[in-house]
Amino acid sequence: MSALHYYIIHCMEFITEYFMEGHVNTEILAYNKSQSKSDREICSILSEEISIILPEAENKIWHRHPVWFLDGNPVAGYSKLKDCIRLLFWSGQSFEEDGLKKEGSFKAAEIRYTSAEEINRKDLKRWLKKSRDIQWDYKNIVKRKGKLLRLK
């Protein structure tokens, strides 16, 4: 890698970090930095896009993973699995999207990435918009003894 190439990559990482500071919880930025280089690229893209499309969402580390919440309800997040980064939409099964796979016994759906090049930003933006518009009430699932109600 040439010195110029290294410098450009370093500048891009600095600009991304500078832009995200204040928009993304510092614990999430630390989580992203703790990943391997390829996983860090995936996490950085995901945290950027989620924060841009859902600027009103609270974001924090929840159960050791980055998660974005709307009115206290988890809508999107990602986690490191053994061989990939998993992007999860809590209400994703209701999005009716072929690119997302059913996850668990409730309404969640996921997509897994092993490289940043696999991320289709157009799809990601569409899914994030749907995560705002289509929500199941995970916030009160314990109170309702495991029963989910549709919010939107």
N, C-alpha and C. Protein backbone atom coordinates (compact mmCIF):
# COMPACT_ATOMS: atom_id res chain seq x y z
N MET A 1 0.85 -1.17 0.00
CA MET A 1 0.00 0.00 0.00
C MET A 1 0.90 1.24 0.00
N SER A 2 0.60 2.14 -0.90
CA SER A 2 1.41 3.35 -0.99
C SER A 2 1.13 4.28 0.18
N ALA A 3 2.05 5.19 0.42
CA ALA A 3 1.88 6.17 1.50
C ALA A 3 0.65 7.03 1.26
N LEU A 4 0.40 7.39 0.02
CA LEU A 4 -0.77 8.21 -0.31
C LEU A 4 -2.06 7.45 -0.02
N HIS A 5 -2.09 6.18 -0.42
CA HIS A 5 -3.27 5.35 -0.17
C HIS A 5 -3.53 5.24 1.34
N TYR A 6 -2.48 4.98 2.10
CA TYR A 6 -2.60 4.89 3.56
C TYR A 6 -3.11 6.21 4.13
N TYR A 7 -2.58 7.33 3.66
CA TYR A 7 -2.98 8.65 4.14
C TYR A 7 -4.46 8.90 3.85
N ILE A 8 -4.91 8.56 2.65
CA ILE A 8 -6.32 8.76 2.28
C ILE A 8 -7.22 7.93 3.18
N ILE A 9 -6.88 6.68 3.40
CA ILE A 9 -7.68 5.81 4.28
C ILE A 9 -7.71 6.39 5.69
N HIS A 10 -6.57 6.82 6.19
CA HIS A 10 -6.50 7.39 7.53
C HIS A 10 -7.37 8.65 7.63
N CYS A 11 -7.32 9.50 6.62
CA CYS A 11 -8.14 10.73 6.62
C CYS A 11 -9.63 10.39 6.58
N MET A 12 -9.99 9.39 5.78
CA MET A 12 -11.41 8.99 5.71
C MET A 12 -11.89 8.47 7.05
N GLU A 13 -11.07 7.67 7.72
CA GLU A 13 -11.44 7.16 9.04
C GLU A 13 -11.60 8.30 10.04
N PHE A 14 -10.68 9.27 9.98
CA PHE A 14 -10.75 10.42 10.88
C PHE A 14 -12.02 11.24 10.63
N ILE A 15 -12.32 11.51 9.36
CA ILE A 15 -13.51 12.29 9.02
C ILE A 15 -14.77 11.56 9.45
N THR A 16 -14.83 10.27 9.20
CA THR A 16 -15.99 9.48 9.61
C THR A 16 -16.16 9.53 11.12
N GLU A 17 -15.08 9.33 11.86
CA GLU A 17 -15.15 9.36 13.31
C GLU A 17 -15.57 10.75 13.80
N TYR A 18 -15.02 11.80 13.19
CA TYR A 18 -15.35 13.17 13.58
C TYR A 18 -16.83 13.45 13.32
N PHE A 19 -17.33 13.02 12.14
CA PHE A 19 -18.73 13.24 11.79
C PHE A 19 -19.65 12.49 12.76
N MET A 20 -19.28 11.26 13.08
CA MET A 20 -20.16 10.43 13.89
C MET A 20 -20.16 10.83 15.36
N GLU A 21 -19.08 11.49 15.82
CA GLU A 21 -19.01 11.91 17.21
C GLU A 21 -20.18 12.86 17.49
N GLY A 22 -20.95 12.57 18.49
CA GLY A 22 -22.11 13.37 18.80
C GLY A 22 -23.38 12.80 18.19
N HIS A 23 -23.25 11.99 17.14
CA HIS A 23 -24.41 11.35 16.51
C HIS A 23 -24.52 9.90 16.93
N VAL A 24 -23.38 9.32 17.24
CA VAL A 24 -23.33 7.92 17.66
C VAL A 24 -22.70 7.88 19.05
N ASN A 25 -23.31 7.13 19.92
CA ASN A 25 -22.82 6.94 21.28
C ASN A 25 -21.34 6.53 21.25
N THR A 26 -20.55 7.12 22.14
CA THR A 26 -19.12 6.82 22.16
C THR A 26 -18.84 5.35 22.45
N GLU A 27 -19.74 4.68 23.16
CA GLU A 27 -19.57 3.25 23.41
C GLU A 27 -19.72 2.45 22.11
N ILE A 28 -20.59 2.92 21.22
CA ILE A 28 -20.74 2.25 19.93
C ILE A 28 -19.51 2.48 19.08
N LEU A 29 -18.97 3.69 19.10
CA LEU A 29 -17.73 3.95 18.36
C LEU A 29 -16.61 3.06 18.88
N ALA A 30 -16.55 2.88 20.20
CA ALA A 30 -15.53 2.01 20.79
C ALA A 30 -15.77 0.55 20.37
N TYR A 31 -17.03 0.14 20.34
CA TYR A 31 -17.38 -1.21 19.89
C TYR A 31 -16.88 -1.42 18.46
N ASN A 32 -17.16 -0.44 17.59
CA ASN A 32 -16.72 -0.54 16.20
C ASN A 32 -15.21 -0.65 16.12
N LYS A 33 -14.50 0.19 16.87
CA LYS A 33 -13.03 0.18 16.85
C LYS A 33 -12.45 -1.13 17.35
N SER A 34 -13.17 -1.83 18.21
CA SER A 34 -12.65 -3.07 18.79
C SER A 34 -12.72 -4.25 17.81
N GLN A 35 -13.36 -4.06 16.67
CA GLN A 35 -13.53 -5.15 15.70
C GLN A 35 -12.29 -5.26 14.80
N SER A 36 -12.17 -6.38 14.11
CA SER A 36 -11.11 -6.54 13.12
C SER A 36 -11.31 -5.50 12.02
N LYS A 37 -10.30 -5.30 11.19
CA LYS A 37 -10.37 -4.26 10.16
C LYS A 37 -11.60 -4.42 9.26
N SER A 38 -11.83 -5.61 8.75
CA SER A 38 -12.97 -5.81 7.83
C SER A 38 -14.31 -5.65 8.56
N ASP A 39 -14.40 -6.17 9.78
CA ASP A 39 -15.64 -6.02 10.55
C ASP A 39 -15.84 -4.57 10.98
N ARG A 40 -14.75 -3.87 11.27
CA ARG A 40 -14.84 -2.44 11.64
C ARG A 40 -15.41 -1.62 10.48
N GLU A 41 -15.03 -1.95 9.26
CA GLU A 41 -15.57 -1.26 8.08
C GLU A 41 -17.08 -1.47 7.99
N ILE A 42 -17.52 -2.70 8.19
CA ILE A 42 -18.95 -3.01 8.16
C ILE A 42 -19.68 -2.23 9.25
N CYS A 43 -19.17 -2.31 10.47
CA CYS A 43 -19.81 -1.63 11.61
C CYS A 43 -19.87 -0.12 11.40
N SER A 44 -18.81 0.45 10.85
CA SER A 44 -18.79 1.90 10.61
C SER A 44 -19.84 2.31 9.60
N ILE A 45 -19.96 1.56 8.52
CA ILE A 45 -20.99 1.86 7.52
C ILE A 45 -22.38 1.75 8.14
N LEU A 46 -22.61 0.67 8.89
CA LEU A 46 -23.93 0.47 9.49
C LEU A 46 -24.26 1.59 10.48
N SER A 47 -23.33 1.94 11.36
CA SER A 47 -23.62 2.98 12.35
C SER A 47 -23.84 4.33 11.67
N GLU A 48 -23.09 4.62 10.62
CA GLU A 48 -23.28 5.87 9.87
C GLU A 48 -24.67 5.92 9.25
N GLU A 49 -25.01 4.89 8.50
CA GLU A 49 -26.29 4.87 7.78
C GLU A 49 -27.47 4.89 8.75
N ILE A 50 -27.40 4.09 9.81
CA ILE A 50 -28.51 4.06 10.76
C ILE A 50 -28.69 5.44 11.38
N SER A 51 -27.60 6.08 11.76
CA SER A 51 -27.67 7.39 12.40
C SER A 51 -28.14 8.49 11.44
N ILE A 52 -27.81 8.35 10.17
CA ILE A 52 -28.24 9.34 9.18
C ILE A 52 -29.73 9.18 8.88
N ILE A 53 -30.18 7.96 8.68
CA ILE A 53 -31.58 7.71 8.32
C ILE A 53 -32.51 7.83 9.53
N LEU A 54 -32.00 7.50 10.71
CA LEU A 54 -32.82 7.58 11.94
C LEU A 54 -32.17 8.56 12.93
N PRO A 55 -32.05 9.84 12.57
CA PRO A 55 -31.36 10.79 13.45
C PRO A 55 -32.06 11.00 14.79
N GLU A 56 -33.35 10.72 14.84
CA GLU A 56 -34.10 10.90 16.08
C GLU A 56 -33.95 9.71 17.05
N ALA A 57 -33.33 8.65 16.59
CA ALA A 57 -33.20 7.43 17.39
C ALA A 57 -32.12 7.58 18.46
N GLU A 58 -32.44 7.08 19.63
CA GLU A 58 -31.43 6.96 20.69
C GLU A 58 -30.58 5.75 20.33
N ASN A 59 -29.27 5.85 20.54
CA ASN A 59 -28.41 4.69 20.26
C ASN A 59 -27.51 4.44 21.45
N LYS A 60 -27.31 3.17 21.73
CA LYS A 60 -26.49 2.78 22.87
C LYS A 60 -26.11 1.31 22.74
N ILE A 61 -25.19 0.90 23.61
CA ILE A 61 -24.87 -0.51 23.72
C ILE A 61 -25.93 -1.14 24.61
N TRP A 62 -26.57 -2.16 24.10
CA TRP A 62 -27.66 -2.85 24.80
C TRP A 62 -27.40 -4.34 24.68
N HIS A 63 -27.29 -5.02 25.79
CA HIS A 63 -26.92 -6.45 25.80
C HIS A 63 -25.62 -6.68 25.01
N ARG A 64 -24.68 -5.76 25.19
CA ARG A 64 -23.32 -5.81 24.61
C ARG A 64 -23.25 -5.53 23.11
N HIS A 65 -24.34 -4.99 22.52
CA HIS A 65 -24.35 -4.74 21.08
C HIS A 65 -24.95 -3.37 20.78
N PRO A 66 -24.51 -2.72 19.68
CA PRO A 66 -25.09 -1.43 19.29
C PRO A 66 -26.56 -1.58 18.85
N VAL A 67 -27.42 -0.76 19.44
CA VAL A 67 -28.86 -0.81 19.13
C VAL A 67 -29.40 0.61 19.05
N TRP A 68 -30.33 0.83 18.10
CA TRP A 68 -31.01 2.12 17.95
C TRP A 68 -32.46 1.94 18.35
N PHE A 69 -32.98 2.92 19.12
CA PHE A 69 -34.33 2.88 19.68
C PHE A 69 -35.14 4.09 19.24
N LEU A 70 -36.40 3.87 18.96
CA LEU A 70 -37.35 4.95 18.73
C LEU A 70 -38.38 4.89 19.85
N ASP A 71 -38.47 5.95 20.62
CA ASP A 71 -39.37 6.01 21.77
C ASP A 71 -39.21 4.80 22.69
N GLY A 72 -37.96 4.41 22.91
CA GLY A 72 -37.66 3.30 23.81
C GLY A 72 -37.83 1.92 23.21
N ASN A 73 -38.24 1.84 21.96
CA ASN A 73 -38.48 0.57 21.29
C ASN A 73 -37.29 0.24 20.37
N PRO A 74 -36.64 -0.93 20.55
CA PRO A 74 -35.50 -1.26 19.68
C PRO A 74 -35.97 -1.49 18.25
N VAL A 75 -35.27 -0.85 17.29
CA VAL A 75 -35.67 -1.01 15.89
C VAL A 75 -34.57 -1.61 15.03
N ALA A 76 -33.30 -1.29 15.32
CA ALA A 76 -32.20 -1.81 14.51
C ALA A 76 -30.94 -1.90 15.36
N GLY A 77 -30.11 -2.86 15.02
CA GLY A 77 -28.84 -3.01 15.71
C GLY A 77 -27.98 -4.05 15.01
N TYR A 78 -26.75 -4.16 15.44
CA TYR A 78 -25.87 -5.15 14.84
C TYR A 78 -25.00 -5.78 15.90
N SER A 79 -24.47 -6.95 15.56
CA SER A 79 -23.62 -7.67 16.50
C SER A 79 -22.61 -8.51 15.74
N LYS A 80 -21.51 -8.79 16.42
CA LYS A 80 -20.46 -9.64 15.86
C LYS A 80 -20.80 -11.08 16.16
N LEU A 81 -20.91 -11.87 15.12
CA LEU A 81 -21.04 -13.32 15.28
C LEU A 81 -19.69 -13.93 14.93
N LYS A 82 -19.59 -15.22 15.01
CA LYS A 82 -18.31 -15.90 14.79
C LYS A 82 -17.64 -15.50 13.48
N ASP A 83 -18.41 -15.49 12.40
CA ASP A 83 -17.80 -15.27 11.08
C ASP A 83 -18.42 -14.10 10.30
N CYS A 84 -19.17 -13.23 10.98
CA CYS A 84 -19.83 -12.15 10.26
C CYS A 84 -20.33 -11.07 11.23
N ILE A 85 -20.89 -10.02 10.63
CA ILE A 85 -21.62 -9.01 11.40
C ILE A 85 -23.09 -9.19 11.02
N ARG A 86 -23.92 -9.32 12.03
CA ARG A 86 -25.36 -9.51 11.80
C ARG A 86 -26.08 -8.18 12.04
N LEU A 87 -26.82 -7.72 11.06
CA LEU A 87 -27.69 -6.56 11.19
C LEU A 87 -29.09 -7.08 11.47
N LEU A 88 -29.70 -6.59 12.55
CA LEU A 88 -31.00 -7.08 12.98
C LEU A 88 -32.01 -5.95 12.99
N PHE A 89 -33.19 -6.23 12.45
CA PHE A 89 -34.33 -5.33 12.53
C PHE A 89 -35.38 -6.03 13.38
N TRP A 90 -35.72 -5.44 14.53
CA TRP A 90 -36.63 -6.09 15.46
C TRP A 90 -37.99 -6.38 14.85
N SER A 91 -38.45 -5.55 13.94
CA SER A 91 -39.76 -5.75 13.30
C SER A 91 -39.61 -6.14 11.83
N GLY A 92 -38.44 -6.62 11.46
CA GLY A 92 -38.08 -6.86 10.07
C GLY A 92 -38.91 -7.88 9.31
N GLN A 93 -39.51 -8.86 9.99
CA GLN A 93 -40.33 -9.82 9.27
C GLN A 93 -41.55 -9.15 8.64
N SER A 94 -41.98 -8.04 9.21
CA SER A 94 -43.13 -7.31 8.67
C SER A 94 -42.76 -6.39 7.51
N PHE A 95 -41.47 -6.28 7.19
CA PHE A 95 -41.04 -5.43 6.08
C PHE A 95 -41.35 -6.07 4.73
N GLU A 96 -41.52 -7.41 4.74
CA GLU A 96 -41.77 -8.17 3.51
C GLU A 96 -40.66 -7.93 2.48
N GLU A 97 -39.44 -8.16 2.91
CA GLU A 97 -38.24 -7.95 2.09
C GLU A 97 -37.51 -9.28 1.91
N ASP A 98 -37.24 -9.62 0.64
CA ASP A 98 -36.54 -10.87 0.34
C ASP A 98 -35.12 -10.90 0.89
N GLY A 99 -34.47 -9.74 1.02
CA GLY A 99 -33.08 -9.69 1.48
C GLY A 99 -32.89 -9.96 2.95
N LEU A 100 -33.99 -9.97 3.70
CA LEU A 100 -33.92 -10.21 5.15
C LEU A 100 -34.44 -11.60 5.48
N LYS A 101 -33.78 -12.26 6.43
CA LYS A 101 -34.19 -13.61 6.83
C LYS A 101 -34.78 -13.59 8.23
N LYS A 102 -35.77 -14.41 8.44
CA LYS A 102 -36.43 -14.54 9.75
C LYS A 102 -35.39 -14.88 10.81
N GLU A 103 -35.53 -14.23 11.97
CA GLU A 103 -34.63 -14.49 13.09
C GLU A 103 -35.47 -14.66 14.36
N GLY A 104 -35.42 -15.81 14.95
CA GLY A 104 -36.13 -16.05 16.20
C GLY A 104 -37.61 -16.29 16.03
N SER A 105 -38.31 -16.30 17.16
CA SER A 105 -39.73 -16.66 17.14
C SER A 105 -40.67 -15.45 17.19
N PHE A 106 -40.13 -14.24 17.22
CA PHE A 106 -40.98 -13.05 17.25
C PHE A 106 -41.04 -12.44 15.84
N LYS A 107 -40.75 -11.18 15.68
CA LYS A 107 -40.91 -10.49 14.39
C LYS A 107 -39.59 -10.01 13.79
N ALA A 108 -38.47 -10.41 14.37
CA ALA A 108 -37.17 -9.93 13.91
C ALA A 108 -36.74 -10.59 12.60
N ALA A 109 -35.92 -9.83 11.85
CA ALA A 109 -35.31 -10.34 10.63
C ALA A 109 -33.88 -9.81 10.56
N GLU A 110 -33.03 -10.52 9.86
CA GLU A 110 -31.61 -10.18 9.83
C GLU A 110 -31.02 -10.31 8.44
N ILE A 111 -29.83 -9.73 8.33
CA ILE A 111 -28.95 -9.97 7.18
C ILE A 111 -27.54 -10.03 7.75
N ARG A 112 -26.71 -10.87 7.17
CA ARG A 112 -25.34 -11.04 7.66
C ARG A 112 -24.34 -10.58 6.60
N TYR A 113 -23.29 -9.93 7.09
CA TYR A 113 -22.25 -9.39 6.21
C TYR A 113 -20.88 -9.92 6.62
N THR A 114 -20.10 -10.30 5.60
CA THR A 114 -18.71 -10.71 5.86
C THR A 114 -17.72 -9.69 5.28
N SER A 115 -18.22 -8.76 4.46
CA SER A 115 -17.37 -7.68 3.95
C SER A 115 -18.24 -6.44 3.70
N ALA A 116 -17.61 -5.29 3.74
CA ALA A 116 -18.32 -4.03 3.53
C ALA A 116 -18.92 -3.95 2.13
N GLU A 117 -18.29 -4.60 1.17
CA GLU A 117 -18.76 -4.57 -0.21
C GLU A 117 -20.12 -5.24 -0.36
N GLU A 118 -20.48 -6.10 0.56
CA GLU A 118 -21.78 -6.79 0.50
C GLU A 118 -22.95 -5.88 0.88
N ILE A 119 -22.67 -4.77 1.50
CA ILE A 119 -23.74 -3.88 1.96
C ILE A 119 -24.32 -3.11 0.78
N ASN A 120 -25.58 -3.33 0.51
CA ASN A 120 -26.29 -2.59 -0.52
C ASN A 120 -26.96 -1.41 0.19
N ARG A 121 -26.38 -0.24 0.03
CA ARG A 121 -26.86 0.94 0.77
C ARG A 121 -28.29 1.32 0.41
N LYS A 122 -28.67 1.07 -0.81
CA LYS A 122 -30.05 1.37 -1.23
C LYS A 122 -31.03 0.50 -0.44
N ASP A 123 -30.74 -0.80 -0.35
CA ASP A 123 -31.58 -1.70 0.45
C ASP A 123 -31.55 -1.29 1.91
N LEU A 124 -30.36 -1.01 2.42
CA LEU A 124 -30.22 -0.64 3.82
C LEU A 124 -31.06 0.59 4.16
N LYS A 125 -31.00 1.60 3.33
CA LYS A 125 -31.79 2.82 3.56
C LYS A 125 -33.29 2.52 3.55
N ARG A 126 -33.73 1.68 2.62
CA ARG A 126 -35.15 1.30 2.55
C ARG A 126 -35.58 0.55 3.82
N TRP A 127 -34.74 -0.37 4.27
CA TRP A 127 -35.07 -1.13 5.48
C TRP A 127 -35.11 -0.23 6.71
N LEU A 128 -34.17 0.72 6.78
CA LEU A 128 -34.15 1.63 7.92
C LEU A 128 -35.39 2.51 7.95
N LYS A 129 -35.84 2.97 6.78
CA LYS A 129 -37.07 3.75 6.74
C LYS A 129 -38.26 2.90 7.17
N LYS A 130 -38.27 1.64 6.76
CA LYS A 130 -39.35 0.75 7.19
C LYS A 130 -39.28 0.49 8.69
N SER A 131 -38.08 0.50 9.26
CA SER A 131 -37.96 0.25 10.71
C SER A 131 -38.61 1.38 11.52
N ARG A 132 -38.69 2.57 10.93
CA ARG A 132 -39.37 3.69 11.58
C ARG A 132 -40.89 3.54 11.41
N ASP A 133 -41.32 3.09 10.24
CA ASP A 133 -42.74 3.05 9.90
C ASP A 133 -43.46 1.79 10.35
N ILE A 134 -42.72 0.71 10.54
CA ILE A 134 -43.32 -0.58 10.92
C ILE A 134 -42.66 -1.02 12.23
N GLN A 135 -43.43 -1.00 13.30
CA GLN A 135 -42.85 -1.37 14.60
C GLN A 135 -43.81 -2.25 15.40
N TRP A 136 -43.20 -3.23 16.04
CA TRP A 136 -43.89 -4.04 17.03
C TRP A 136 -43.37 -3.60 18.39
N ASP A 137 -44.19 -3.70 19.41
CA ASP A 137 -43.89 -3.16 20.74
C ASP A 137 -43.01 -4.10 21.57
N TYR A 138 -41.70 -4.08 21.27
CA TYR A 138 -40.76 -4.87 22.06
C TYR A 138 -40.51 -4.23 23.42
N LYS A 139 -40.70 -2.94 23.52
CA LYS A 139 -40.46 -2.20 24.76
C LYS A 139 -41.29 -2.78 25.92
N ASN A 140 -42.50 -3.24 25.62
CA ASN A 140 -43.40 -3.74 26.66
C ASN A 140 -43.65 -5.24 26.58
N ILE A 141 -42.77 -5.97 25.92
CA ILE A 141 -42.97 -7.41 25.74
C ILE A 141 -42.98 -8.17 27.06
N VAL A 142 -42.15 -7.76 28.01
CA VAL A 142 -42.12 -8.43 29.32
C VAL A 142 -43.41 -8.15 30.07
N LYS A 143 -43.83 -6.90 30.06
CA LYS A 143 -45.06 -6.49 30.73
C LYS A 143 -46.27 -7.25 30.17
N ARG A 144 -46.22 -7.55 28.88
CA ARG A 144 -47.33 -8.25 28.21
C ARG A 144 -47.09 -9.76 28.17
N LYS A 145 -46.15 -10.24 28.94
CA LYS A 145 -45.85 -11.67 29.07
C LYS A 145 -45.57 -12.34 27.73
N GLY A 146 -44.70 -11.69 26.94
CA GLY A 146 -44.27 -12.28 25.68
C GLY A 146 -45.16 -12.01 24.49
N LYS A 147 -46.22 -11.25 24.68
CA LYS A 147 -47.12 -10.93 23.57
C LYS A 147 -46.69 -9.62 22.91
N LEU A 148 -46.56 -9.67 21.60
CA LEU A 148 -46.18 -8.47 20.84
C LEU A 148 -47.43 -7.83 20.24
N LEU A 149 -47.50 -6.51 20.32
CA LEU A 149 -48.56 -5.74 19.68
C LEU A 149 -47.94 -4.84 18.62
N ARG A 150 -48.65 -4.68 17.53
CA ARG A 150 -48.17 -3.79 16.46
C ARG A 150 -48.39 -2.34 16.88
N LEU A 151 -47.33 -1.53 16.79
CA LEU A 151 -47.42 -0.10 17.10
C LEU A 151 -47.75 0.70 15.85
N LYS A 152 -47.08 0.39 14.77
CA LYS A 152 -47.25 1.14 13.51
C LYS A 152 -47.33 0.17 12.35
